[in-house]
Amino acid sequence: MRCRQAQLTTSISSANKDQYQMNRNGLNVGDKVIAMWNQADVERQWGMLQYAESKREEGNEMRAAFNFYARQLSFADEYVLTAPKDKRKEMIRNDALPSITAVIASDLDRRDLYRNQFLTAIDDAVAEVAYQVRLKPEEVVDVTDVVNLVNEAHEACENWFSLIPSQDVEEAVAAVMLKDAK
């Protein structure tokens, strides 16, 4: 018996709904009903996540900026496997190549991880500065934690920006320069 893999979604689009429908082809009636319930649940959860994230964005412009960029991304129907040659051969032999959906989900998860690391470090740095400000004047102010937190934020931001292809950056800079020239 061949096991079918569920389609992960990064958004509920007509393409994803079509994919769900294709995934149900060949299933018996009971499995089709379960698959349709699963699809409905995924769409419900997606809506809840989108709503919760939009509320978090209202209070945090940096979160909103990171998320705006991520929402503008579009992904191709293929990817380049960058694993070492021996690992690639092993993955092909074992039919262990990741699906396009898994690659996209991994990319988006990585962006979210770096965004969250950045935002957490900034929040912690703000809290540490607020604590230092409340210290009594005769107490020694130690800025070591603040410096470390700002460095963590910088590293997370650098990691997030490293995921943007340099050609995209060059095109964006050129577009801004052209707009400024007008």
Protein backbone atom coordinates (compact mmCIF):
# COMPACT_ATOMS: atom_id res chain seq x y z
CA MET A 1 0.00 0.00 0.00
CA ARG A 2 1.35 3.41 -0.94
CA CYS A 3 1.17 6.14 1.70
CA ARG A 4 0.05 9.60 0.56
CA GLN A 5 1.76 12.64 1.97
CA ALA A 6 -0.29 15.62 3.12
CA GLN A 7 0.16 18.96 1.40
CA LEU A 8 1.57 21.58 3.77
CA THR A 9 0.35 25.07 3.07
CA THR A 10 1.93 28.45 3.51
CA SER A 11 -1.28 30.11 2.41
CA ILE A 12 -4.70 28.89 1.50
CA SER A 13 -4.79 29.64 -2.20
CA SER A 14 -6.77 28.11 -5.01
CA ALA A 15 -3.59 26.30 -6.05
CA ASN A 16 -3.34 24.68 -2.62
CA LYS A 17 -7.02 23.77 -2.67
CA ASP A 18 -6.48 22.18 -6.08
CA GLN A 19 -3.52 20.27 -4.62
CA TYR A 20 -5.70 19.02 -1.77
CA GLN A 21 -8.25 17.86 -4.32
CA MET A 22 -5.57 16.06 -6.35
CA ASN A 23 -4.27 14.43 -3.16
CA ARG A 24 -7.74 12.98 -2.57
CA ASN A 25 -7.87 11.31 -5.99
CA GLY A 26 -7.73 7.56 -5.61
CA LEU A 27 -8.75 7.56 -1.94
CA ASN A 28 -11.75 5.57 -0.78
CA VAL A 29 -14.86 7.47 0.33
CA GLY A 30 -13.99 7.32 4.04
CA ASP A 31 -10.46 8.61 3.46
CA LYS A 32 -11.81 11.37 1.19
CA VAL A 33 -14.14 12.57 3.96
CA ILE A 34 -11.28 12.55 6.47
CA ALA A 35 -9.05 14.41 3.98
CA MET A 36 -11.75 17.05 3.43
CA TRP A 37 -12.14 17.51 7.20
CA ASN A 38 -8.38 17.84 7.47
CA GLN A 39 -8.37 20.48 4.71
CA ALA A 40 -11.14 22.43 6.43
CA ASP A 41 -9.23 22.27 9.72
CA VAL A 42 -6.01 23.48 8.08
CA GLU A 43 -7.90 26.41 6.53
CA ARG A 44 -9.51 27.24 9.90
CA GLN A 45 -6.16 27.10 11.70
CA TRP A 46 -4.54 29.21 8.97
CA GLY A 47 -7.18 31.88 9.43
CA MET A 48 -6.66 31.88 13.20
CA LEU A 49 -2.88 32.16 12.79
CA GLN A 50 -3.22 35.01 10.29
CA TYR A 51 -5.56 36.89 12.64
CA ALA A 52 -3.26 36.41 15.66
CA GLU A 53 -0.21 37.49 13.66
CA SER A 54 -1.99 40.60 12.36
CA LYS A 55 -2.77 41.57 15.97
CA ARG A 56 0.91 41.12 16.93
CA GLU A 57 1.92 43.25 13.92
CA GLU A 58 -0.28 46.12 15.11
CA GLY A 59 1.95 46.62 18.13
CA ASN A 60 5.29 46.02 16.46
CA GLU A 61 6.38 47.76 13.25
CA MET A 62 9.51 45.64 12.90
CA ARG A 63 7.45 42.43 13.03
CA ALA A 64 5.11 43.92 10.44
CA ALA A 65 8.05 44.82 8.16
CA PHE A 66 9.60 41.34 8.37
CA ASN A 67 6.22 39.73 7.74
CA PHE A 68 5.40 42.06 4.85
CA TYR A 69 8.58 41.01 3.05
CA ALA A 70 7.90 37.32 3.69
CA ARG A 71 4.34 37.64 2.35
CA GLN A 72 5.70 39.09 -0.91
CA LEU A 73 7.90 36.07 -1.58
CA SER A 74 7.04 33.73 -4.41
CA PHE A 75 8.66 30.36 -4.83
CA ALA A 76 9.52 28.37 -7.95
CA ASP A 77 8.34 24.83 -8.61
CA GLU A 78 11.89 23.54 -8.29
CA TYR A 79 14.89 23.95 -6.01
CA VAL A 80 18.63 23.37 -6.06
CA LEU A 81 19.85 20.82 -3.55
CA THR A 82 23.05 22.20 -2.04
CA ALA A 83 24.02 19.14 0.02
CA PRO A 84 27.46 17.59 -0.51
CA LYS A 85 27.68 15.21 -3.48
CA ASP A 86 27.75 12.01 -1.38
CA LYS A 87 24.75 13.19 0.67
CA ARG A 88 22.82 14.04 -2.53
CA LYS A 89 23.50 10.57 -3.94
CA GLU A 90 22.34 8.98 -0.69
CA MET A 91 19.17 11.07 -0.65
CA ILE A 92 18.37 10.15 -4.27
CA ARG A 93 19.03 6.43 -3.66
CA ASN A 94 16.82 6.43 -0.57
CA ASP A 95 14.09 8.51 -2.25
CA ALA A 96 14.61 11.05 0.55
CA LEU A 97 14.62 14.30 -1.42
CA PRO A 98 12.50 16.93 0.29
CA SER A 99 9.29 17.99 -1.44
CA ILE A 100 8.92 21.53 -2.77
CA THR A 101 6.40 22.15 0.00
CA ALA A 102 8.88 21.02 2.67
CA VAL A 103 11.62 23.25 1.21
CA ILE A 104 9.31 26.29 1.18
CA ALA A 105 8.06 25.59 4.71
CA SER A 106 11.66 25.24 5.88
CA ASP A 107 12.63 28.55 4.27
CA LEU A 108 9.70 30.38 5.83
CA ASP A 109 10.31 28.76 9.23
CA ARG A 110 13.94 29.88 9.10
CA ARG A 111 12.89 33.45 8.33
CA ASP A 112 10.42 33.33 11.24
CA LEU A 113 13.14 31.97 13.54
CA TYR A 114 15.54 34.81 12.70
CA ARG A 115 12.74 37.38 12.97
CA ASN A 116 11.77 36.05 16.40
CA GLN A 117 15.39 36.00 17.58
CA PHE A 118 15.76 39.62 16.51
CA LEU A 119 12.52 40.76 18.14
CA THR A 120 13.24 38.88 21.38
CA ALA A 121 16.75 40.35 21.63
CA ILE A 122 15.41 43.87 21.05
CA ASP A 123 12.62 43.40 23.64
CA ASP A 124 15.15 42.04 26.14
CA ALA A 125 17.53 44.94 25.47
CA VAL A 126 14.72 47.47 26.03
CA ALA A 127 13.79 45.73 29.28
CA GLU A 128 17.42 45.68 30.43
CA VAL A 129 17.85 49.40 29.68
CA ALA A 130 14.63 50.14 31.59
CA TYR A 131 16.01 48.15 34.54
CA GLN A 132 19.36 49.96 34.40
CA VAL A 133 17.59 53.34 34.36
CA ARG A 134 15.72 52.42 37.57
CA LEU A 135 18.95 51.67 39.46
CA LYS A 136 19.90 54.01 42.23
CA PRO A 137 22.41 56.68 41.18
CA GLU A 138 25.15 55.27 43.40
CA GLU A 139 24.90 51.79 41.82
CA VAL A 140 27.27 50.93 39.01
CA VAL A 141 25.60 50.59 35.64
CA ASP A 142 26.70 47.47 33.79
CA VAL A 143 25.93 47.68 30.07
CA THR A 144 27.41 44.28 29.24
CA ASP A 145 23.98 42.61 28.95
CA VAL A 146 22.63 45.38 26.76
CA VAL A 147 25.64 45.17 24.42
CA ASN A 148 25.29 41.38 24.22
CA LEU A 149 21.57 41.66 23.46
CA VAL A 150 22.13 44.27 20.76
CA ASN A 151 24.81 42.01 19.25
CA GLU A 152 22.33 39.10 19.30
CA ALA A 153 19.74 41.28 17.55
CA HIS A 154 22.32 42.33 14.96
CA GLU A 155 23.34 38.71 14.29
CA ALA A 156 19.70 37.60 13.92
CA CYS A 157 19.05 40.50 11.55
CA GLU A 158 22.15 39.64 9.51
CA ASN A 159 21.01 36.01 9.31
CA TRP A 160 17.54 37.09 8.15
CA PHE A 161 18.94 39.45 5.49
CA SER A 162 21.40 36.78 4.31
CA LEU A 163 18.39 34.87 2.97
CA ILE A 164 17.66 37.64 0.46
CA PRO A 165 19.39 37.03 -2.88
CA SER A 166 21.94 39.75 -3.69
CA GLN A 167 20.28 40.32 -7.07
CA ASP A 168 17.03 41.23 -5.27
CA VAL A 169 18.91 43.72 -3.11
CA GLU A 170 20.58 45.28 -6.16
CA GLU A 171 17.21 45.58 -7.94
CA ALA A 172 15.62 47.19 -4.87
CA VAL A 173 18.46 49.71 -4.51
CA ALA A 174 18.24 50.54 -8.22
CA ALA A 175 14.47 51.05 -7.95
CA VAL A 176 14.90 53.41 -4.98
CA MET A 177 17.67 55.33 -6.76
CA LEU A 178 15.49 55.67 -9.87
CA LYS A 179 12.56 56.88 -7.76
CA ASP A 180 14.79 59.42 -5.95
CA ALA A 181 16.13 60.69 -9.30
CA LYS A 182 12.62 61.61 -10.47
